[in-house]
Amino acid sequence: MSIPPNPPEWVKSSYSGNGGGNCLEFSPSVAVITGRVPVRDSKLSESPILTFGAPQWSSFLTFAKDQS
């Protein structure tokens, strides 16, 4: 399955700021349609898109929240 190169909506991580650093964004609208969560570097919109299954993405979010 391929992810469209320009998904209709990208959502920036709430931890992303204007000061640079490690920031990412994901496309929930594509995730709803495909069951896969596309993720990219928010600073480089033309960067490669990684995709994760919804259960794996959920596990990652749980882990990240537990680290804060």
N, C-alpha and C. Protein backbone atom coordinates (compact mmCIF):
# COMPACT_ATOMS: atom_id res chain seq x y z
N MET A 1 0.84 -1.17 0.00
CA MET A 1 0.00 0.00 0.00
C MET A 1 0.89 1.24 0.00
N SER A 2 0.55 2.19 -0.82
CA SER A 2 1.36 3.42 -0.84
C SER A 2 0.60 4.56 -0.17
N ILE A 3 1.36 5.43 0.42
CA ILE A 3 0.81 6.63 1.06
C ILE A 3 0.93 7.76 0.05
N PRO A 4 -0.13 8.54 -0.15
CA PRO A 4 -0.02 9.66 -1.08
C PRO A 4 1.12 10.59 -0.69
N PRO A 5 1.83 11.17 -1.67
CA PRO A 5 2.98 12.02 -1.34
C PRO A 5 2.60 13.28 -0.56
N ASN A 6 1.41 13.76 -0.73
CA ASN A 6 0.96 14.97 -0.02
C ASN A 6 -0.36 14.70 0.68
N PRO A 7 -0.32 14.00 1.81
CA PRO A 7 -1.58 13.75 2.52
C PRO A 7 -2.29 15.06 2.81
N PRO A 8 -3.60 15.01 2.91
CA PRO A 8 -4.36 16.24 3.05
C PRO A 8 -4.13 17.00 4.35
N GLU A 9 -3.61 16.33 5.36
CA GLU A 9 -3.46 17.01 6.66
C GLU A 9 -2.25 16.46 7.40
N TRP A 10 -1.40 17.35 7.90
CA TRP A 10 -0.29 16.97 8.76
C TRP A 10 -0.48 17.67 10.10
N VAL A 11 -0.31 16.93 11.18
CA VAL A 11 -0.45 17.49 12.53
C VAL A 11 0.91 17.45 13.20
N LYS A 12 1.36 18.60 13.68
CA LYS A 12 2.67 18.69 14.33
C LYS A 12 2.57 18.22 15.78
N SER A 13 3.58 17.53 16.23
CA SER A 13 3.64 17.07 17.62
C SER A 13 3.50 18.25 18.57
N SER A 14 2.80 18.04 19.67
CA SER A 14 2.66 19.10 20.67
C SER A 14 3.99 19.45 21.32
N TYR A 15 5.00 18.59 21.17
CA TYR A 15 6.33 18.86 21.71
C TYR A 15 7.20 19.63 20.73
N SER A 16 6.72 19.83 19.51
CA SER A 16 7.47 20.59 18.52
C SER A 16 7.33 22.08 18.82
N GLY A 17 8.43 22.76 18.78
CA GLY A 17 8.40 24.21 19.01
C GLY A 17 9.01 24.94 17.84
N ASN A 18 9.21 26.21 18.00
CA ASN A 18 9.81 27.01 16.94
C ASN A 18 11.33 27.05 17.03
N GLY A 19 11.90 26.42 18.06
CA GLY A 19 13.33 26.48 18.27
C GLY A 19 14.12 25.36 17.61
N GLY A 20 13.50 24.59 16.73
CA GLY A 20 14.21 23.48 16.09
C GLY A 20 14.15 22.25 16.95
N GLY A 21 15.15 21.42 16.85
CA GLY A 21 15.19 20.20 17.64
C GLY A 21 14.52 19.04 16.94
N ASN A 22 14.20 18.03 17.71
CA ASN A 22 13.59 16.82 17.16
C ASN A 22 12.08 16.97 17.10
N CYS A 23 11.56 17.24 15.93
CA CYS A 23 10.14 17.47 15.76
C CYS A 23 9.58 16.55 14.69
N LEU A 24 8.35 16.12 14.89
CA LEU A 24 7.71 15.29 13.88
C LEU A 24 6.27 15.68 13.73
N GLU A 25 5.69 15.23 12.62
CA GLU A 25 4.28 15.42 12.38
C GLU A 25 3.72 14.15 11.76
N PHE A 26 2.41 13.98 11.91
CA PHE A 26 1.77 12.78 11.37
C PHE A 26 0.47 13.17 10.69
N SER A 27 -0.08 12.24 9.92
CA SER A 27 -1.31 12.52 9.18
C SER A 27 -2.44 11.61 9.65
N PRO A 28 -3.27 12.12 10.58
CA PRO A 28 -4.36 11.28 11.10
C PRO A 28 -5.40 10.94 10.04
N SER A 29 -5.61 11.83 9.06
CA SER A 29 -6.62 11.55 8.04
C SER A 29 -6.22 10.35 7.17
N VAL A 30 -4.93 10.21 6.88
CA VAL A 30 -4.46 9.05 6.13
C VAL A 30 -4.55 7.81 7.01
N ALA A 31 -4.25 7.97 8.30
CA ALA A 31 -4.31 6.83 9.22
C ALA A 31 -5.72 6.25 9.30
N VAL A 32 -6.72 7.11 9.30
CA VAL A 32 -8.11 6.65 9.37
C VAL A 32 -8.46 5.83 8.13
N ILE A 33 -7.99 6.26 6.99
CA ILE A 33 -8.32 5.60 5.72
C ILE A 33 -7.54 4.30 5.55
N THR A 34 -6.25 4.31 5.91
CA THR A 34 -5.38 3.17 5.59
C THR A 34 -5.06 2.26 6.77
N GLY A 35 -5.27 2.74 8.00
CA GLY A 35 -4.85 1.96 9.17
C GLY A 35 -3.36 2.05 9.43
N ARG A 36 -2.66 2.87 8.66
CA ARG A 36 -1.22 3.09 8.81
C ARG A 36 -1.01 4.57 9.12
N VAL A 37 -0.07 4.86 10.02
CA VAL A 37 0.18 6.24 10.44
C VAL A 37 1.45 6.75 9.77
N PRO A 38 1.32 7.69 8.81
CA PRO A 38 2.52 8.27 8.19
C PRO A 38 3.12 9.34 9.10
N VAL A 39 4.45 9.31 9.22
CA VAL A 39 5.17 10.23 10.10
C VAL A 39 6.34 10.82 9.31
N ARG A 40 6.59 12.12 9.50
CA ARG A 40 7.73 12.75 8.82
C ARG A 40 8.35 13.80 9.73
N ASP A 41 9.53 14.26 9.36
CA ASP A 41 10.24 15.34 10.06
C ASP A 41 9.52 16.64 9.76
N SER A 42 9.08 17.34 10.79
CA SER A 42 8.31 18.57 10.58
C SER A 42 9.15 19.71 10.00
N LYS A 43 10.46 19.63 10.16
CA LYS A 43 11.33 20.69 9.65
C LYS A 43 11.64 20.48 8.17
N LEU A 44 11.48 19.25 7.69
CA LEU A 44 11.82 18.92 6.31
C LEU A 44 10.61 18.25 5.66
N SER A 45 9.67 19.05 5.19
CA SER A 45 8.43 18.50 4.66
C SER A 45 8.63 17.58 3.46
N GLU A 46 9.77 17.67 2.80
CA GLU A 46 10.06 16.79 1.66
C GLU A 46 10.83 15.54 2.09
N SER A 47 11.01 15.36 3.40
CA SER A 47 11.76 14.20 3.88
C SER A 47 10.96 12.92 3.66
N PRO A 48 11.63 11.78 3.70
CA PRO A 48 10.91 10.51 3.54
C PRO A 48 9.83 10.37 4.62
N ILE A 49 8.79 9.65 4.27
CA ILE A 49 7.68 9.39 5.18
C ILE A 49 7.81 7.97 5.70
N LEU A 50 7.82 7.83 7.02
CA LEU A 50 7.80 6.51 7.65
C LEU A 50 6.36 6.18 7.96
N THR A 51 5.99 4.92 7.85
CA THR A 51 4.62 4.52 8.20
C THR A 51 4.66 3.44 9.26
N PHE A 52 3.71 3.53 10.17
CA PHE A 52 3.59 2.58 11.27
C PHE A 52 2.16 2.08 11.33
N GLY A 53 2.00 0.84 11.73
CA GLY A 53 0.67 0.33 11.97
C GLY A 53 0.07 1.06 13.17
N ALA A 54 -1.25 1.17 13.20
CA ALA A 54 -1.90 1.89 14.29
C ALA A 54 -1.53 1.33 15.67
N PRO A 55 -1.47 -0.01 15.86
CA PRO A 55 -1.10 -0.51 17.19
C PRO A 55 0.33 -0.12 17.59
N GLN A 56 1.25 -0.15 16.63
CA GLN A 56 2.64 0.23 16.92
C GLN A 56 2.73 1.72 17.25
N TRP A 57 1.99 2.54 16.53
CA TRP A 57 1.98 3.98 16.80
C TRP A 57 1.42 4.25 18.19
N SER A 58 0.37 3.57 18.54
CA SER A 58 -0.23 3.72 19.87
C SER A 58 0.76 3.34 20.97
N SER A 59 1.49 2.25 20.76
CA SER A 59 2.51 1.83 21.73
C SER A 59 3.61 2.87 21.86
N PHE A 60 4.03 3.44 20.73
CA PHE A 60 5.05 4.48 20.76
C PHE A 60 4.56 5.69 21.56
N LEU A 61 3.32 6.12 21.32
CA LEU A 61 2.78 7.28 22.03
C LEU A 61 2.71 7.02 23.53
N THR A 62 2.30 5.82 23.90
CA THR A 62 2.25 5.47 25.34
C THR A 62 3.64 5.54 25.94
N PHE A 63 4.64 4.98 25.24
CA PHE A 63 6.02 5.02 25.72
C PHE A 63 6.50 6.46 25.85
N ALA A 64 6.26 7.29 24.82
CA ALA A 64 6.73 8.68 24.84
C ALA A 64 6.09 9.45 25.98
N LYS A 65 4.81 9.25 26.22
CA LYS A 65 4.14 9.96 27.32
C LYS A 65 4.71 9.54 28.66
N ASP A 66 5.05 8.26 28.80
CA ASP A 66 5.62 7.77 30.06
C ASP A 66 7.01 8.34 30.32
N GLN A 67 7.70 8.81 29.28
CA GLN A 67 9.05 9.36 29.42
C GLN A 67 9.04 10.82 29.86
N SER A 68 7.90 11.49 29.72
CA SER A 68 7.87 12.93 30.03
C SER A 68 7.54 13.19 31.48
